[in-house]
Amino acid sequence: MAGLEANTPLPTDIILHRKSRMLEIAFDDGSRFELPFEFLRVYSPSAEVRGHGAGQETLQQGKREVDILSMEPVGNYAVKPVFSDGHDSGLYSWDYLYELGRERDALWQTYLARLEQAGGTRDPDKLPPPAPKSGCGHRH
């Protein structure tokens, strides 16, 4: 089945903790992970975030306060969260969620290091203004 490795444990419980902005997921091998919404957002498996190949990733900034507004099941192999910043194109397969849980600390440190190297920020209110659109903005 697409998106599910044969040896990946299956989830037995998925809970959205809205106040703490945490996704709690338990698997049938006894593993239980807590994944912050911000972590899930910056590691979205979508092409918008990951690109279409190595080196094409887009560093996500200003996601500290992001919420998950809803989460929809996708078949029997994934979930699709809808984030408060409008991002809704990531399909989180069970194997990807399991990997995120196992590698959470290392992945988070990698993200923080990339953010620091780029001079980026986790805080939405500290993001630079968007680049102006081309053209003078006047209609003729």
N, C-alpha and C. Protein backbone atom coordinates (compact mmCIF):
# COMPACT_ATOMS: atom_id res chain seq x y z
N MET A 1 0.85 -1.19 0.00
CA MET A 1 0.00 0.00 0.00
C MET A 1 0.89 1.24 0.00
N ALA A 2 0.57 2.19 -0.83
CA ALA A 2 1.38 3.40 -0.96
C ALA A 2 1.48 4.15 0.37
N GLY A 3 2.69 4.58 0.70
CA GLY A 3 2.90 5.39 1.89
C GLY A 3 2.99 4.60 3.18
N LEU A 4 2.99 3.28 3.08
CA LEU A 4 3.06 2.47 4.29
C LEU A 4 4.04 1.33 4.07
N GLU A 5 5.17 1.41 4.76
CA GLU A 5 6.14 0.33 4.70
C GLU A 5 5.55 -0.90 5.38
N ALA A 6 5.85 -2.07 4.86
CA ALA A 6 5.26 -3.30 5.39
C ALA A 6 5.59 -3.52 6.86
N ASN A 7 6.75 -3.06 7.30
CA ASN A 7 7.16 -3.30 8.69
C ASN A 7 6.85 -2.15 9.63
N THR A 8 6.19 -1.09 9.15
CA THR A 8 5.87 0.05 10.01
C THR A 8 4.70 -0.30 10.93
N PRO A 9 4.86 -0.05 12.23
CA PRO A 9 3.72 -0.25 13.13
C PRO A 9 2.55 0.63 12.72
N LEU A 10 1.37 0.19 13.06
CA LEU A 10 0.16 0.95 12.75
C LEU A 10 -0.26 1.78 13.95
N PRO A 11 -0.85 2.95 13.72
CA PRO A 11 -1.31 3.77 14.84
C PRO A 11 -2.53 3.14 15.51
N THR A 12 -2.54 3.25 16.83
CA THR A 12 -3.68 2.75 17.60
C THR A 12 -4.47 3.91 18.19
N ASP A 13 -3.85 5.08 18.25
CA ASP A 13 -4.51 6.25 18.84
C ASP A 13 -3.84 7.51 18.31
N ILE A 14 -4.67 8.48 17.90
CA ILE A 14 -4.16 9.78 17.45
C ILE A 14 -5.01 10.84 18.16
N ILE A 15 -4.33 11.70 18.93
CA ILE A 15 -5.04 12.72 19.70
C ILE A 15 -4.42 14.08 19.41
N LEU A 16 -5.27 15.05 19.05
CA LEU A 16 -4.83 16.44 18.90
C LEU A 16 -5.02 17.15 20.24
N HIS A 17 -3.94 17.60 20.84
CA HIS A 17 -4.01 18.39 22.07
C HIS A 17 -3.89 19.86 21.64
N ARG A 18 -5.02 20.52 21.52
CA ARG A 18 -5.03 21.87 20.97
C ARG A 18 -4.35 22.90 21.87
N LYS A 19 -4.57 22.82 23.18
CA LYS A 19 -3.97 23.83 24.08
C LYS A 19 -2.45 23.77 24.05
N SER A 20 -1.89 22.57 24.07
CA SER A 20 -0.44 22.43 24.06
C SER A 20 0.13 22.34 22.64
N ARG A 21 -0.76 22.38 21.63
CA ARG A 21 -0.34 22.29 20.23
C ARG A 21 0.53 21.06 20.00
N MET A 22 -0.01 19.91 20.37
CA MET A 22 0.74 18.67 20.30
C MET A 22 -0.13 17.58 19.69
N LEU A 23 0.45 16.80 18.78
CA LEU A 23 -0.20 15.61 18.26
C LEU A 23 0.39 14.42 19.01
N GLU A 24 -0.47 13.67 19.66
CA GLU A 24 -0.02 12.46 20.37
C GLU A 24 -0.44 11.27 19.51
N ILE A 25 0.51 10.40 19.23
CA ILE A 25 0.21 9.24 18.41
C ILE A 25 0.84 8.00 19.02
N ALA A 26 0.02 6.97 19.18
CA ALA A 26 0.47 5.69 19.72
C ALA A 26 0.44 4.65 18.60
N PHE A 27 1.41 3.76 18.61
CA PHE A 27 1.50 2.71 17.60
C PHE A 27 1.37 1.34 18.25
N ASP A 28 1.03 0.35 17.43
CA ASP A 28 0.77 -0.99 17.96
C ASP A 28 2.01 -1.73 18.43
N ASP A 29 3.19 -1.13 18.29
CA ASP A 29 4.39 -1.74 18.86
C ASP A 29 4.68 -1.20 20.25
N GLY A 30 3.77 -0.37 20.78
CA GLY A 30 3.95 0.21 22.11
C GLY A 30 4.57 1.60 22.08
N SER A 31 5.04 2.06 20.93
CA SER A 31 5.63 3.40 20.83
C SER A 31 4.54 4.45 20.97
N ARG A 32 4.89 5.55 21.60
CA ARG A 32 3.99 6.70 21.74
C ARG A 32 4.85 7.95 21.57
N PHE A 33 4.40 8.83 20.69
CA PHE A 33 5.16 10.04 20.40
C PHE A 33 4.27 11.26 20.58
N GLU A 34 4.88 12.36 21.00
CA GLU A 34 4.23 13.66 21.03
C GLU A 34 4.97 14.55 20.05
N LEU A 35 4.23 15.04 19.06
CA LEU A 35 4.83 15.84 18.00
C LEU A 35 4.19 17.23 17.99
N PRO A 36 4.98 18.26 18.29
CA PRO A 36 4.43 19.62 18.28
C PRO A 36 3.90 20.00 16.89
N PHE A 37 2.84 20.78 16.86
CA PHE A 37 2.27 21.23 15.59
C PHE A 37 3.33 21.94 14.76
N GLU A 38 4.12 22.79 15.39
CA GLU A 38 5.17 23.53 14.66
C GLU A 38 6.13 22.55 13.99
N PHE A 39 6.54 21.52 14.71
CA PHE A 39 7.44 20.49 14.18
C PHE A 39 6.82 19.81 12.96
N LEU A 40 5.54 19.43 13.10
CA LEU A 40 4.85 18.80 11.97
C LEU A 40 4.78 19.73 10.77
N ARG A 41 4.54 21.00 11.02
CA ARG A 41 4.42 21.97 9.92
C ARG A 41 5.74 22.18 9.20
N VAL A 42 6.84 22.32 9.95
CA VAL A 42 8.12 22.58 9.30
C VAL A 42 8.67 21.33 8.62
N TYR A 43 8.20 20.15 9.03
CA TYR A 43 8.61 18.91 8.37
C TYR A 43 7.48 18.32 7.54
N SER A 44 6.63 19.17 7.00
CA SER A 44 5.55 18.70 6.13
C SER A 44 6.15 17.92 4.96
N PRO A 45 5.53 16.80 4.61
CA PRO A 45 6.03 16.03 3.47
C PRO A 45 5.59 16.59 2.12
N SER A 46 4.96 17.74 2.10
CA SER A 46 4.46 18.32 0.85
C SER A 46 5.60 18.80 -0.04
N ALA A 47 5.34 18.85 -1.33
CA ALA A 47 6.33 19.38 -2.29
C ALA A 47 6.61 20.85 -2.01
N GLU A 48 5.62 21.57 -1.49
CA GLU A 48 5.80 22.99 -1.17
C GLU A 48 6.93 23.19 -0.16
N VAL A 49 7.09 22.24 0.76
CA VAL A 49 8.12 22.32 1.79
C VAL A 49 9.37 21.54 1.39
N ARG A 50 9.19 20.32 0.92
CA ARG A 50 10.32 19.44 0.63
C ARG A 50 10.92 19.64 -0.75
N GLY A 51 10.19 20.29 -1.65
CA GLY A 51 10.66 20.43 -3.01
C GLY A 51 10.46 19.11 -3.75
N HIS A 52 11.09 19.02 -4.90
CA HIS A 52 10.95 17.82 -5.72
C HIS A 52 12.24 17.02 -5.79
N GLY A 53 13.16 17.31 -4.88
CA GLY A 53 14.42 16.59 -4.85
C GLY A 53 15.34 17.17 -3.80
N ALA A 54 16.45 16.49 -3.58
CA ALA A 54 17.41 16.92 -2.56
C ALA A 54 17.90 18.34 -2.87
N GLY A 55 17.98 19.15 -1.84
CA GLY A 55 18.45 20.52 -1.98
C GLY A 55 17.38 21.52 -2.40
N GLN A 56 16.15 21.05 -2.60
CA GLN A 56 15.07 21.94 -3.02
C GLN A 56 14.12 22.30 -1.88
N GLU A 57 14.50 21.92 -0.65
CA GLU A 57 13.66 22.20 0.50
C GLU A 57 13.50 23.70 0.71
N THR A 58 12.33 24.11 1.20
CA THR A 58 12.08 25.50 1.54
C THR A 58 12.06 25.62 3.06
N LEU A 59 12.98 26.41 3.59
CA LEU A 59 13.05 26.59 5.04
C LEU A 59 11.78 27.29 5.52
N GLN A 60 11.09 26.66 6.45
CA GLN A 60 9.85 27.20 6.99
C GLN A 60 10.17 28.12 8.16
N GLN A 61 9.59 29.31 8.15
CA GLN A 61 9.83 30.28 9.21
C GLN A 61 8.51 30.79 9.77
N GLY A 62 8.55 31.28 11.00
CA GLY A 62 7.39 31.91 11.60
C GLY A 62 6.26 30.95 11.94
N LYS A 63 6.60 29.72 12.26
CA LYS A 63 5.56 28.70 12.50
C LYS A 63 5.35 28.36 13.97
N ARG A 64 5.97 29.12 14.88
CA ARG A 64 5.88 28.82 16.32
C ARG A 64 4.43 28.71 16.80
N GLU A 65 3.55 29.56 16.31
CA GLU A 65 2.17 29.63 16.81
C GLU A 65 1.17 28.85 15.95
N VAL A 66 1.65 28.08 14.98
CA VAL A 66 0.74 27.40 14.06
C VAL A 66 -0.13 26.37 14.80
N ASP A 67 -1.37 26.29 14.38
CA ASP A 67 -2.32 25.32 14.93
C ASP A 67 -2.70 24.33 13.84
N ILE A 68 -3.23 23.20 14.27
CA ILE A 68 -3.88 22.28 13.35
C ILE A 68 -5.38 22.48 13.55
N LEU A 69 -6.05 22.94 12.50
CA LEU A 69 -7.48 23.22 12.58
C LEU A 69 -8.32 21.95 12.46
N SER A 70 -7.86 21.02 11.63
CA SER A 70 -8.55 19.75 11.46
C SER A 70 -7.56 18.73 10.91
N MET A 71 -7.96 17.47 11.00
CA MET A 71 -7.13 16.40 10.46
C MET A 71 -8.05 15.37 9.84
N GLU A 72 -7.79 15.08 8.58
CA GLU A 72 -8.63 14.15 7.85
C GLU A 72 -7.88 12.85 7.58
N PRO A 73 -8.54 11.70 7.73
CA PRO A 73 -7.90 10.45 7.35
C PRO A 73 -7.76 10.36 5.83
N VAL A 74 -6.72 9.73 5.37
CA VAL A 74 -6.51 9.47 3.94
C VAL A 74 -6.35 7.97 3.80
N GLY A 75 -7.40 7.33 3.34
CA GLY A 75 -7.38 5.87 3.25
C GLY A 75 -7.06 5.26 4.59
N ASN A 76 -6.31 4.17 4.57
CA ASN A 76 -5.87 3.51 5.80
C ASN A 76 -4.38 3.67 6.01
N TYR A 77 -3.79 4.74 5.44
CA TYR A 77 -2.34 4.85 5.50
C TYR A 77 -1.81 6.22 5.88
N ALA A 78 -2.68 7.24 6.04
CA ALA A 78 -2.15 8.59 6.29
C ALA A 78 -3.23 9.49 6.86
N VAL A 79 -2.78 10.67 7.30
CA VAL A 79 -3.68 11.75 7.70
C VAL A 79 -3.23 13.02 6.99
N LYS A 80 -4.19 13.92 6.82
CA LYS A 80 -3.92 15.20 6.17
C LYS A 80 -4.36 16.31 7.10
N PRO A 81 -3.41 16.95 7.80
CA PRO A 81 -3.77 18.06 8.67
C PRO A 81 -4.00 19.34 7.87
N VAL A 82 -4.89 20.18 8.39
CA VAL A 82 -5.10 21.52 7.86
C VAL A 82 -4.55 22.48 8.91
N PHE A 83 -3.50 23.21 8.55
CA PHE A 83 -2.83 24.11 9.49
C PHE A 83 -3.45 25.50 9.43
N SER A 84 -3.30 26.23 10.51
CA SER A 84 -3.91 27.57 10.62
C SER A 84 -3.29 28.58 9.66
N ASP A 85 -2.12 28.28 9.10
CA ASP A 85 -1.51 29.20 8.12
C ASP A 85 -1.97 28.89 6.69
N GLY A 86 -2.94 27.98 6.57
CA GLY A 86 -3.49 27.64 5.26
C GLY A 86 -2.84 26.43 4.60
N HIS A 87 -1.74 25.94 5.16
CA HIS A 87 -1.06 24.79 4.56
C HIS A 87 -1.91 23.54 4.78
N ASP A 88 -2.21 22.84 3.67
CA ASP A 88 -3.04 21.64 3.80
C ASP A 88 -2.68 20.58 2.75
N SER A 89 -1.48 20.66 2.20
CA SER A 89 -1.13 19.73 1.12
C SER A 89 -0.20 18.60 1.54
N GLY A 90 0.08 18.48 2.83
CA GLY A 90 0.95 17.40 3.28
C GLY A 90 0.17 16.17 3.70
N LEU A 91 0.52 15.01 3.13
CA LEU A 91 -0.06 13.74 3.55
C LEU A 91 0.96 13.03 4.43
N TYR A 92 0.62 12.86 5.69
CA TYR A 92 1.52 12.27 6.68
C TYR A 92 1.19 10.78 6.81
N SER A 93 1.97 9.95 6.11
CA SER A 93 1.75 8.50 6.17
C SER A 93 2.16 7.98 7.54
N TRP A 94 1.68 6.79 7.87
CA TRP A 94 2.03 6.20 9.17
C TRP A 94 3.54 6.04 9.30
N ASP A 95 4.20 5.60 8.22
CA ASP A 95 5.65 5.42 8.32
C ASP A 95 6.37 6.76 8.50
N TYR A 96 5.85 7.83 7.88
CA TYR A 96 6.49 9.14 8.06
C TYR A 96 6.27 9.66 9.48
N LEU A 97 5.07 9.50 10.02
CA LEU A 97 4.80 9.93 11.40
C LEU A 97 5.66 9.13 12.39
N TYR A 98 5.83 7.85 12.13
CA TYR A 98 6.66 7.01 12.99
C TYR A 98 8.12 7.48 12.94
N GLU A 99 8.59 7.77 11.72
CA GLU A 99 9.95 8.29 11.55
C GLU A 99 10.11 9.63 12.27
N LEU A 100 9.14 10.53 12.11
CA LEU A 100 9.21 11.82 12.80
C LEU A 100 9.26 11.63 14.32
N GLY A 101 8.50 10.69 14.82
CA GLY A 101 8.52 10.42 16.26
C GLY A 101 9.86 9.90 16.73
N ARG A 102 10.40 8.92 16.00
CA ARG A 102 11.70 8.33 16.38
C ARG A 102 12.83 9.34 16.27
N GLU A 103 12.78 10.20 15.27
CA GLU A 103 13.88 11.13 14.98
C GLU A 103 13.62 12.55 15.45
N ARG A 104 12.58 12.75 16.25
CA ARG A 104 12.14 14.10 16.60
C ARG A 104 13.26 14.99 17.11
N ASP A 105 14.01 14.56 18.09
CA ASP A 105 15.03 15.42 18.69
C ASP A 105 16.11 15.82 17.68
N ALA A 106 16.60 14.86 16.91
CA ALA A 106 17.65 15.15 15.92
C ALA A 106 17.11 16.05 14.82
N LEU A 107 15.90 15.77 14.34
CA LEU A 107 15.31 16.60 13.29
C LEU A 107 15.08 18.03 13.77
N TRP A 108 14.64 18.18 15.02
CA TRP A 108 14.39 19.51 15.56
C TRP A 108 15.69 20.30 15.65
N GLN A 109 16.76 19.66 16.11
CA GLN A 109 18.05 20.34 16.19
C GLN A 109 18.56 20.74 14.81
N THR A 110 18.33 19.88 13.82
CA THR A 110 18.71 20.19 12.44
C THR A 110 17.95 21.42 11.96
N TYR A 111 16.65 21.45 12.24
CA TYR A 111 15.82 22.59 11.83
C TYR A 111 16.31 23.88 12.49
N LEU A 112 16.55 23.84 13.80
CA LEU A 112 17.01 25.04 14.52
C LEU A 112 18.35 25.52 13.98
N ALA A 113 19.23 24.60 13.64
CA ALA A 113 20.54 24.97 13.09
C ALA A 113 20.37 25.62 11.72
N ARG A 114 19.50 25.07 10.87
CA ARG A 114 19.25 25.65 9.55
C ARG A 114 18.65 27.04 9.68
N LEU A 115 17.74 27.19 10.62
CA LEU A 115 17.08 28.48 10.85
C LEU A 115 18.11 29.52 11.29
N GLU A 116 18.97 29.13 12.22
CA GLU A 116 20.00 30.06 12.71
C GLU A 116 20.97 30.44 11.60
N GLN A 117 21.39 29.46 10.83
CA GLN A 117 22.33 29.71 9.74
C GLN A 117 21.73 30.68 8.71
N ALA A 118 20.42 30.58 8.50
CA ALA A 118 19.75 31.45 7.53
C ALA A 118 19.35 32.79 8.13
N GLY A 119 19.58 32.97 9.44
CA GLY A 119 19.14 34.20 10.10
C GLY A 119 17.62 34.27 10.19
N GLY A 120 16.98 33.10 10.23
CA GLY A 120 15.53 33.03 10.25
C GLY A 120 14.95 33.10 11.65
N THR A 121 13.63 32.99 11.72
CA THR A 121 12.95 33.07 13.00
C THR A 121 11.77 32.11 13.05
N ARG A 122 11.47 31.65 14.24
CA ARG A 122 10.29 30.82 14.47
C ARG A 122 9.07 31.69 14.73
N ASP A 123 9.28 32.95 15.05
CA ASP A 123 8.20 33.84 15.47
C ASP A 123 7.56 34.54 14.27
N PRO A 124 6.24 34.39 14.10
CA PRO A 124 5.58 35.01 12.94
C PRO A 124 5.65 36.53 12.96
N ASP A 125 5.67 37.15 14.14
CA ASP A 125 5.70 38.61 14.21
C ASP A 125 7.09 39.20 13.95
N LYS A 126 8.10 38.34 13.78
CA LYS A 126 9.45 38.83 13.51
C LYS A 126 9.90 38.53 12.08
N LEU A 127 8.97 38.04 11.27
CA LEU A 127 9.30 37.77 9.87
C LEU A 127 9.45 39.07 9.12
N PRO A 128 10.38 39.11 8.17
CA PRO A 128 10.47 40.31 7.34
C PRO A 128 9.23 40.43 6.47
N PRO A 129 8.89 41.65 6.06
CA PRO A 129 7.72 41.80 5.19
C PRO A 129 7.94 41.07 3.87
N PRO A 130 6.87 40.62 3.24
CA PRO A 130 7.03 39.93 1.95
C PRO A 130 7.62 40.86 0.91
N ALA A 131 8.34 40.27 -0.02
CA ALA A 131 8.95 41.06 -1.10
C ALA A 131 7.85 41.72 -1.92
N PRO A 132 8.07 42.95 -2.34
CA PRO A 132 7.05 43.62 -3.16
C PRO A 132 6.86 42.88 -4.48
N LYS A 133 5.63 42.94 -4.96
CA LYS A 133 5.34 42.31 -6.25
C LYS A 133 5.93 43.18 -7.35
N SER A 134 6.24 42.54 -8.46
CA SER A 134 6.81 43.30 -9.57
C SER A 134 5.78 44.26 -10.14
N GLY A 135 6.25 45.30 -10.72
CA GLY A 135 5.36 46.32 -11.26
C GLY A 135 5.23 47.46 -10.29
N CYS A 136 4.69 48.56 -10.74
CA CYS A 136 4.60 49.75 -9.90
C CYS A 136 3.35 49.79 -9.06
N GLY A 137 2.39 48.89 -9.34
CA GLY A 137 1.19 48.85 -8.55
C GLY A 137 0.11 49.82 -9.01
N HIS A 138 0.38 50.60 -10.02
CA HIS A 138 -0.61 51.54 -10.53
C HIS A 138 -1.30 50.96 -11.75
N ARG A 139 -2.55 51.23 -11.87
CA ARG A 139 -3.28 50.81 -13.07
C ARG A 139 -3.33 51.97 -14.05
N HIS A 140 -3.20 51.66 -15.28
CA HIS A 140 -3.23 52.70 -16.32
C HIS A 140 -4.46 52.58 -17.16
